[in-house]
């Protein structure tokens, strides 16, 4: 099964509804061309981003840090 995406006059690629509803508006994609084929790959934010954005005054608990470490290790195995 395939669907049609449309390039708008504002250089925006409009995805079919059935595809776009799988993503959030803030999702980011890596884009590359291979001949006449356009590839889009969603970038998954690193779980470590939570550590970066944690307020200095409110440190993460050991349980939260442990969960983040396990998630990073799980992602690296796949």
PDB file of N, CA and C in Angstrom:
ATOM      1  N   UNK A   1       0.842  -1.185   0.000  1.00  0.00           N
ATOM      2  CA  UNK A   1       0.000   0.000   0.000  1.00  0.00           C
ATOM      3  C   UNK A   1       0.884   1.244   0.000  1.00  0.00           C
ATOM      4  N   UNK A   2       0.496   2.251  -0.725  1.00  0.00           N
ATOM      5  CA  UNK A   2       1.221   3.510  -0.723  1.00  0.00           C
ATOM      6  C   UNK A   2       0.218   4.656  -0.793  1.00  0.00           C
ATOM      7  N   UNK A   3       0.687   5.819  -0.408  1.00  0.00           N
ATOM      8  CA  UNK A   3      -0.122   7.028  -0.463  1.00  0.00           C
ATOM      9  C   UNK A   3       0.720   8.131  -1.077  1.00  0.00           C
ATOM     10  N   UNK A   4       0.099   9.230  -1.422  1.00  0.00           N
ATOM     11  CA  UNK A   4       0.768  10.323  -2.115  1.00  0.00           C
ATOM     12  C   UNK A   4       1.008  11.489  -1.159  1.00  0.00           C
ATOM     13  N   UNK A   5       2.250  11.978  -1.122  1.00  0.00           N
ATOM     14  CA  UNK A   5       2.594  13.199  -0.393  1.00  0.00           C
ATOM     15  C   UNK A   5       2.671  14.328  -1.422  1.00  0.00           C
ATOM     16  N   UNK A   6       2.417  15.561  -0.994  1.00  0.00           N
ATOM     17  CA  UNK A   6       2.404  16.703  -1.902  1.00  0.00           C
ATOM     18  C   UNK A   6       3.369  17.773  -1.422  1.00  0.00           C
ATOM     19  N   UNK A   7       4.189  18.293  -2.344  1.00  0.00           N
ATOM     20  CA  UNK A   7       5.074  19.411  -2.026  1.00  0.00           C
ATOM     21  C   UNK A   7       4.288  20.699  -2.272  1.00  0.00           C
ATOM     22  N   UNK A   8       4.113  21.507  -1.223  1.00  0.00           N
ATOM     23  CA  UNK A   8       3.318  22.728  -1.345  1.00  0.00           C
ATOM     24  C   UNK A   8       4.173  23.864  -1.894  1.00  0.00           C
ATOM     25  N   UNK A   9       3.520  24.985  -2.215  1.00  0.00           N
ATOM     26  CA  UNK A   9       4.234  26.149  -2.754  1.00  0.00           C
ATOM     27  C   UNK A   9       5.185  26.763  -1.729  1.00  0.00           C
ATOM     28  N   UNK A  10       5.060  26.397  -0.462  1.00  0.00           N
ATOM     29  CA  UNK A  10       5.948  26.910   0.592  1.00  0.00           C
ATOM     30  C   UNK A  10       7.076  25.915   0.889  1.00  0.00           C
ATOM     31  N   UNK A  11       7.360  25.002  -0.042  1.00  0.00           N
ATOM     32  CA  UNK A  11       8.388  23.973   0.123  1.00  0.00           C
ATOM     33  C   UNK A  11       8.149  23.097   1.351  1.00  0.00           C
ATOM     34  N   UNK A  12       6.895  22.833   1.649  1.00  0.00           N
ATOM     35  CA  UNK A  12       6.514  21.960   2.748  1.00  0.00           C
ATOM     36  C   UNK A  12       5.976  20.664   2.164  1.00  0.00           C
ATOM     37  N   UNK A  13       6.446  19.548   2.694  1.00  0.00           N
ATOM     38  CA  UNK A  13       5.954  18.255   2.241  1.00  0.00           C
ATOM     39  C   UNK A  13       4.739  17.887   3.069  1.00  0.00           C
ATOM     40  N   UNK A  14       3.595  17.790   2.441  1.00  0.00           N
ATOM     41  CA  UNK A  14       2.354  17.456   3.135  1.00  0.00           C
ATOM     42  C   UNK A  14       2.159  15.948   3.054  1.00  0.00           C
ATOM     43  N   UNK A  15       2.243  15.295   4.223  1.00  0.00           N
ATOM     44  CA  UNK A  15       2.102  13.846   4.292  1.00  0.00           C
ATOM     45  C   UNK A  15       0.634  13.452   4.313  1.00  0.00           C
ATOM     46  N   UNK A  16       0.298  12.274   3.813  1.00  0.00           N
ATOM     47  CA  UNK A  16      -1.076  11.784   3.918  1.00  0.00           C
ATOM     48  C   UNK A  16      -1.473  11.656   5.388  1.00  0.00           C
ATOM     49  N   UNK A  17      -2.743  11.853   5.674  1.00  0.00           N
ATOM     50  CA  UNK A  17      -3.251  11.847   7.048  1.00  0.00           C
ATOM     51  C   UNK A  17      -2.922  10.546   7.763  1.00  0.00           C
ATOM     52  N   UNK A  18      -3.082   9.417   7.088  1.00  0.00           N
ATOM     53  CA  UNK A  18      -2.817   8.119   7.727  1.00  0.00           C
ATOM     54  C   UNK A  18      -1.362   7.988   8.176  1.00  0.00           C
ATOM     55  N   UNK A  19      -0.464   8.667   7.513  1.00  0.00           N
ATOM     56  CA  UNK A  19       0.946   8.633   7.901  1.00  0.00           C
ATOM     57  C   UNK A  19       1.239   9.704   8.940  1.00  0.00           C
ATOM     58  N   UNK A  20       0.769  10.924   8.708  1.00  0.00           N
ATOM     59  CA  UNK A  20       1.113  12.034   9.607  1.00  0.00           C
ATOM     60  C   UNK A  20       0.540  11.863  11.006  1.00  0.00           C
ATOM     61  N   UNK A  21      -0.563  11.144  11.161  1.00  0.00           N
ATOM     62  CA  UNK A  21      -1.132  10.982  12.505  1.00  0.00           C
ATOM     63  C   UNK A  21      -0.274  10.083  13.398  1.00  0.00           C
ATOM     64  N   UNK A  22       0.734   9.452  12.822  1.00  0.00           N
ATOM     65  CA  UNK A  22       1.655   8.627  13.611  1.00  0.00           C
ATOM     66  C   UNK A  22       2.750   9.452  14.275  1.00  0.00           C
ATOM     67  N   UNK A  23       2.833  10.742  13.924  1.00  0.00           N
ATOM     68  CA  UNK A  23       3.900  11.598  14.414  1.00  0.00           C
ATOM     69  C   UNK A  23       3.341  12.785  15.178  1.00  0.00           C
ATOM     70  N   UNK A  24       4.230  13.441  15.953  1.00  0.00           N
ATOM     71  CA  UNK A  24       3.881  14.684  16.631  1.00  0.00           C
ATOM     72  C   UNK A  24       4.412  15.840  15.789  1.00  0.00           C
ATOM     73  N   UNK A  25       3.823  17.010  15.946  1.00  0.00           N
ATOM     74  CA  UNK A  25       4.248  18.181  15.180  1.00  0.00           C
ATOM     75  C   UNK A  25       5.700  18.545  15.471  1.00  0.00           C
ATOM     76  N   UNK A  26       6.203  18.182  16.627  1.00  0.00           N
ATOM     77  CA  UNK A  26       7.583  18.533  16.991  1.00  0.00           C
ATOM     78  C   UNK A  26       8.608  17.485  16.538  1.00  0.00           C
ATOM     79  N   UNK A  27       8.156  16.379  15.943  1.00  0.00           N
ATOM     80  CA  UNK A  27       9.090  15.347  15.486  1.00  0.00           C
ATOM     81  C   UNK A  27      10.031  15.912  14.432  1.00  0.00           C
ATOM     82  N   UNK A  28      11.263  15.420  14.450  1.00  0.00           N
ATOM     83  CA  UNK A  28      12.268  15.844  13.478  1.00  0.00           C
ATOM     84  C   UNK A  28      12.696  14.625  12.674  1.00  0.00           C
ATOM     85  N   UNK A  29      13.121  14.870  11.429  1.00  0.00           N
ATOM     86  CA  UNK A  29      13.452  13.779  10.519  1.00  0.00           C
ATOM     87  C   UNK A  29      14.798  14.024   9.847  1.00  0.00           C
ATOM     88  N   UNK A  30      15.516  12.948   9.603  1.00  0.00           N
ATOM     89  CA  UNK A  30      16.687  12.982   8.746  1.00  0.00           C
ATOM     90  C   UNK A  30      16.154  12.735   7.340  1.00  0.00           C
ATOM     91  N   UNK A  31      16.625  13.516   6.368  1.00  0.00           N
ATOM     92  CA  UNK A  31      16.133  13.408   5.001  1.00  0.00           C
ATOM     93  C   UNK A  31      17.315  13.217   4.064  1.00  0.00           C
ATOM     94  N   UNK A  32      17.203  12.250   3.140  1.00  0.00           N
ATOM     95  CA  UNK A  32      18.240  12.082   2.132  1.00  0.00           C
ATOM     96  C   UNK A  32      17.631  11.528   0.853  1.00  0.00           C
ATOM     97  N   UNK A  33      18.351  11.791  -0.232  1.00  0.00           N
ATOM     98  CA  UNK A  33      17.923  11.327  -1.546  1.00  0.00           C
ATOM     99  C   UNK A  33      18.803  10.162  -1.975  1.00  0.00           C
ATOM    100  N   UNK A  34      18.196   9.208  -2.649  1.00  0.00           N
ATOM    101  CA  UNK A  34      18.904   8.090  -3.256  1.00  0.00           C
ATOM    102  C   UNK A  34      18.311   7.937  -4.650  1.00  0.00           C
ATOM    103  N   UNK A  35      18.975   8.539  -5.622  1.00  0.00           N
ATOM    104  CA  UNK A  35      18.394   8.583  -6.972  1.00  0.00           C
ATOM    105  C   UNK A  35      17.158   9.466  -6.942  1.00  0.00           C
ATOM    106  N   UNK A  36      16.030   8.901  -7.366  1.00  0.00           N
ATOM    107  CA  UNK A  36      14.787   9.678  -7.321  1.00  0.00           C
ATOM    108  C   UNK A  36      13.924   9.296  -6.117  1.00  0.00           C
ATOM    109  N   UNK A  37      14.530   8.623  -5.141  1.00  0.00           N
ATOM    110  CA  UNK A  37      13.807   8.206  -3.934  1.00  0.00           C
ATOM    111  C   UNK A  37      14.172   9.121  -2.772  1.00  0.00           C
ATOM    112  N   UNK A  38      13.166   9.654  -2.108  1.00  0.00           N
ATOM    113  CA  UNK A  38      13.346  10.500  -0.933  1.00  0.00           C
ATOM    114  C   UNK A  38      13.116   9.641   0.307  1.00  0.00           C
ATOM    115  N   UNK A  39      14.056   9.662   1.229  1.00  0.00           N
ATOM    116  CA  UNK A  39      13.944   8.902   2.467  1.00  0.00           C
ATOM    117  C   UNK A  39      13.746   9.861   3.636  1.00  0.00           C
ATOM    118  N   UNK A  40      12.848   9.504   4.542  1.00  0.00           N
ATOM    119  CA  UNK A  40      12.640  10.240   5.790  1.00  0.00           C
ATOM    120  C   UNK A  40      12.822   9.260   6.934  1.00  0.00           C
ATOM    121  N   UNK A  41      13.625   9.623   7.911  1.00  0.00           N
ATOM    122  CA  UNK A  41      13.799   8.789   9.095  1.00  0.00           C
ATOM    123  C   UNK A  41      13.605   9.668  10.317  1.00  0.00           C
ATOM    124  N   UNK A  42      12.636   9.282  11.144  1.00  0.00           N
ATOM    125  CA  UNK A  42      12.365  10.066  12.353  1.00  0.00           C
ATOM    126  C   UNK A  42      13.539   9.947  13.307  1.00  0.00           C
ATOM    127  N   UNK A  43      13.929  11.083  13.848  1.00  0.00           N
ATOM    128  CA  UNK A  43      14.997  11.119  14.843  1.00  0.00           C
ATOM    129  C   UNK A  43      14.358  10.925  16.214  1.00  0.00           C
ATOM    130  N   UNK A  44      14.887   9.975  16.956  1.00  0.00           N
ATOM    131  CA  UNK A  44      14.376   9.759  18.308  1.00  0.00           C
ATOM    132  C   UNK A  44      15.257  10.542  19.273  1.00  0.00           C
ATOM    133  N   UNK A  45      14.651  11.381  20.109  1.00  0.00           N
ATOM    134  CA  UNK A  45      15.474  12.128  21.061  1.00  0.00           C
ATOM    135  C   UNK A  45      16.129  11.179  22.061  1.00  0.00           C
ATOM    136  N   UNK A  46      17.325  11.500  22.447  1.00  0.00           N
ATOM    137  CA  UNK A  46      18.061  10.684  23.409  1.00  0.00           C
ATOM    138  C   UNK A  46      17.400  10.785  24.777  1.00  0.00           C
ATOM    139  N   UNK A  47      17.290   9.667  25.477  1.00  0.00           N
ATOM    140  CA  UNK A  47      16.770   9.724  26.855  1.00  0.00           C
ATOM    141  C   UNK A  47      17.654  10.590  27.745  1.00  0.00           C
ATOM    142  N   UNK A  48      18.904  10.796  27.346  1.00  0.00           N
ATOM    143  CA  UNK A  48      19.801  11.635  28.136  1.00  0.00           C
ATOM    144  C   UNK A  48      19.364  13.101  28.117  1.00  0.00           C
ATOM    145  N   UNK A  49      18.496  13.472  27.186  1.00  0.00           N
ATOM    146  CA  UNK A  49      17.982  14.836  27.117  1.00  0.00           C
ATOM    147  C   UNK A  49      17.285  15.200  28.427  1.00  0.00           C
ATOM    148  N   UNK A  50      16.654  14.229  29.067  1.00  0.00           N
ATOM    149  CA  UNK A  50      15.990  14.461  30.357  1.00  0.00           C
ATOM    150  C   UNK A  50      17.005  14.928  31.388  1.00  0.00           C
ATOM    151  N   UNK A  51      18.183  14.331  31.361  1.00  0.00           N
ATOM    152  CA  UNK A  51      19.241  14.714  32.309  1.00  0.00           C
ATOM    153  C   UNK A  51      19.697  16.140  32.021  1.00  0.00           C
ATOM    154  N   UNK A  52      19.889  16.456  30.735  1.00  0.00           N
ATOM    155  CA  UNK A  52      20.335  17.795  30.351  1.00  0.00           C
ATOM    156  C   UNK A  52      19.342  18.875  30.790  1.00  0.00           C
ATOM    157  N   UNK A  53      18.057  18.564  30.685  1.00  0.00           N
ATOM    158  CA  UNK A  53      17.028  19.573  30.938  1.00  0.00           C
ATOM    159  C   UNK A  53      16.546  19.610  32.388  1.00  0.00           C
ATOM    160  N   UNK A  54      17.051  18.714  33.225  1.00  0.00           N
ATOM    161  CA  UNK A  54      16.624  18.692  34.626  1.00  0.00           C
ATOM    162  C   UNK A  54      17.120  19.952  35.332  1.00  0.00           C
ATOM    163  N   UNK A  55      16.240  20.608  36.089  1.00  0.00           N
ATOM    164  CA  UNK A  55      16.676  21.802  36.826  1.00  0.00           C
ATOM    165  C   UNK A  55      17.765  21.464  37.843  1.00  0.00           C
ATOM    166  N   UNK A  56      18.751  22.321  37.918  1.00  0.00           N
ATOM    167  CA  UNK A  56      19.877  22.095  38.826  1.00  0.00           C
ATOM    168  C   UNK A  56      19.391  22.002  40.278  1.00  0.00           C
ATOM    169  N   UNK A  57      18.368  22.772  40.601  1.00  0.00           N
ATOM    170  CA  UNK A  57      17.860  22.816  41.972  1.00  0.00           C
ATOM    171  C   UNK A  57      17.068  21.563  42.343  1.00  0.00           C
ATOM    172  N   UNK A  58      16.623  20.804  41.330  1.00  0.00           N
ATOM    173  CA  UNK A  58      15.813  19.607  41.569  1.00  0.00           C
ATOM    174  C   UNK A  58      16.493  18.406  40.909  1.00  0.00           C
ATOM    175  N   UNK A  59      17.519  17.836  41.526  1.00  0.00           N
ATOM    176  CA  UNK A  59      18.235  16.719  40.893  1.00  0.00           C
ATOM    177  C   UNK A  59      17.329  15.498  40.708  1.00  0.00           C
ATOM    178  N   UNK A  60      17.662  14.697  39.713  1.00  0.00           N
ATOM    179  CA  UNK A  60      16.913  13.474  39.461  1.00  0.00           C
ATOM    180  C   UNK A  60      17.163  12.481  40.588  1.00  0.00           C
ATOM    181  N   UNK A  61      16.156  11.666  40.855  1.00  0.00           N
ATOM    182  CA  UNK A  61      16.331  10.626  41.876  1.00  0.00           C
ATOM    183  C   UNK A  61      17.172   9.493  41.285  1.00  0.00           C
ATOM    184  N   UNK A  62      17.691   8.644  42.146  1.00  0.00           N
ATOM    185  CA  UNK A  62      18.476   7.501  41.678  1.00  0.00           C
ATOM    186  C   UNK A  62      17.621   6.564  40.817  1.00  0.00           C
ATOM    187  N   UNK A  63      16.340   6.430  41.162  1.00  0.00           N
ATOM    188  CA  UNK A  63      15.441   5.591  40.357  1.00  0.00           C
ATOM    189  C   UNK A  63      15.261   6.177  38.948  1.00  0.00           C
ATOM    190  N   UNK A  64      15.117   7.489  38.854  1.00  0.00           N
ATOM    191  CA  UNK A  64      14.974   8.128  37.540  1.00  0.00           C
ATOM    192  C   UNK A  64      16.234   7.949  36.706  1.00  0.00           C
ATOM    193  N   UNK A  65      17.381   8.131  37.328  1.00  0.00           N
ATOM    194  CA  UNK A  65      18.658   7.961  36.625  1.00  0.00           C
ATOM    195  C   UNK A  65      18.810   6.513  36.167  1.00  0.00           C
ATOM    196  N   UNK A  66      18.455   5.577  37.021  1.00  0.00           N
ATOM    197  CA  UNK A  66      18.531   4.155  36.689  1.00  0.00           C
ATOM    198  C   UNK A  66      17.646   3.830  35.476  1.00  0.00           C
ATOM    199  N   UNK A  67      16.441   4.372  35.431  1.00  0.00           N
ATOM    200  CA  UNK A  67      15.537   4.140  34.298  1.00  0.00           C
ATOM    201  C   UNK A  67      16.130   4.701  33.004  1.00  0.00           C
ATOM    202  N   UNK A  68      16.736   5.862  33.085  1.00  0.00           N
ATOM    203  CA  UNK A  68      17.337   6.486  31.901  1.00  0.00           C
ATOM    204  C   UNK A  68      18.499   5.634  31.397  1.00  0.00           C
ATOM    205  N   UNK A  69      19.347   5.170  32.303  1.00  0.00           N
ATOM    206  CA  UNK A  69      20.491   4.333  31.919  1.00  0.00           C
ATOM    207  C   UNK A  69      20.001   3.051  31.239  1.00  0.00           C
ATOM    208  N   UNK A  70      18.976   2.419  31.797  1.00  0.00           N
ATOM    209  CA  UNK A  70      18.438   1.198  31.195  1.00  0.00           C
ATOM    210  C   UNK A  70      17.859   1.471  29.809  1.00  0.00           C
ATOM    211  N   UNK A  71      17.201   2.600  29.623  1.00  0.00           N
ATOM    212  CA  UNK A  71      16.631   2.955  28.316  1.00  0.00           C
ATOM    213  C   UNK A  71      17.733   3.176  27.292  1.00  0.00           C
ATOM    214  N   UNK A  72      18.792   3.875  27.675  1.00  0.00           N
ATOM    215  CA  UNK A  72      19.911   4.108  26.750  1.00  0.00           C
ATOM    216  C   UNK A  72      20.548   2.781  26.354  1.00  0.00           C
ATOM    217  N   UNK A  73      20.759   1.906  27.302  1.00  0.00           N
ATOM    218  CA  UNK A  73      21.353   0.589  27.006  1.00  0.00           C
ATOM    219  C   UNK A  73      20.445  -0.239  26.098  1.00  0.00           C
ATOM    220  N   UNK A  74      19.141  -0.159  26.337  1.00  0.00           N
ATOM    221  CA  UNK A  74      18.183  -0.899  25.509  1.00  0.00           C
ATOM    222  C   UNK A  74      18.235  -0.390  24.071  1.00  0.00           C
ATOM    223  N   UNK A  75      18.284   0.916  23.892  1.00  0.00           N
ATOM    224  CA  UNK A  75      18.323   1.492  22.555  1.00  0.00           C
ATOM    225  C   UNK A  75      19.613   1.124  21.824  1.00  0.00           C
ATOM    226  N   UNK A  76      20.707   1.056  22.532  1.00  0.00           N
ATOM    227  CA  UNK A  76      21.989   0.726  21.896  1.00  0.00           C
ATOM    228  C   UNK A  76      22.050  -0.723  21.438  1.00  0.00           C
ATOM    229  N   UNK A  77      21.286  -1.598  22.099  1.00  0.00           N
ATOM    230  CA  UNK A  77      21.266  -3.005  21.698  1.00  0.00           C
ATOM    231  C   UNK A  77      20.477  -3.205  20.418  1.00  0.00           C
ATOM    232  N   UNK A  78      19.568  -2.290  20.110  1.00  0.00           N
ATOM    233  CA  UNK A  78      18.691  -2.465  18.927  1.00  0.00           C
ATOM    234  C   UNK A  78      19.127  -1.647  17.793  1.00  0.00           C
TER     235      UNK A  78
END
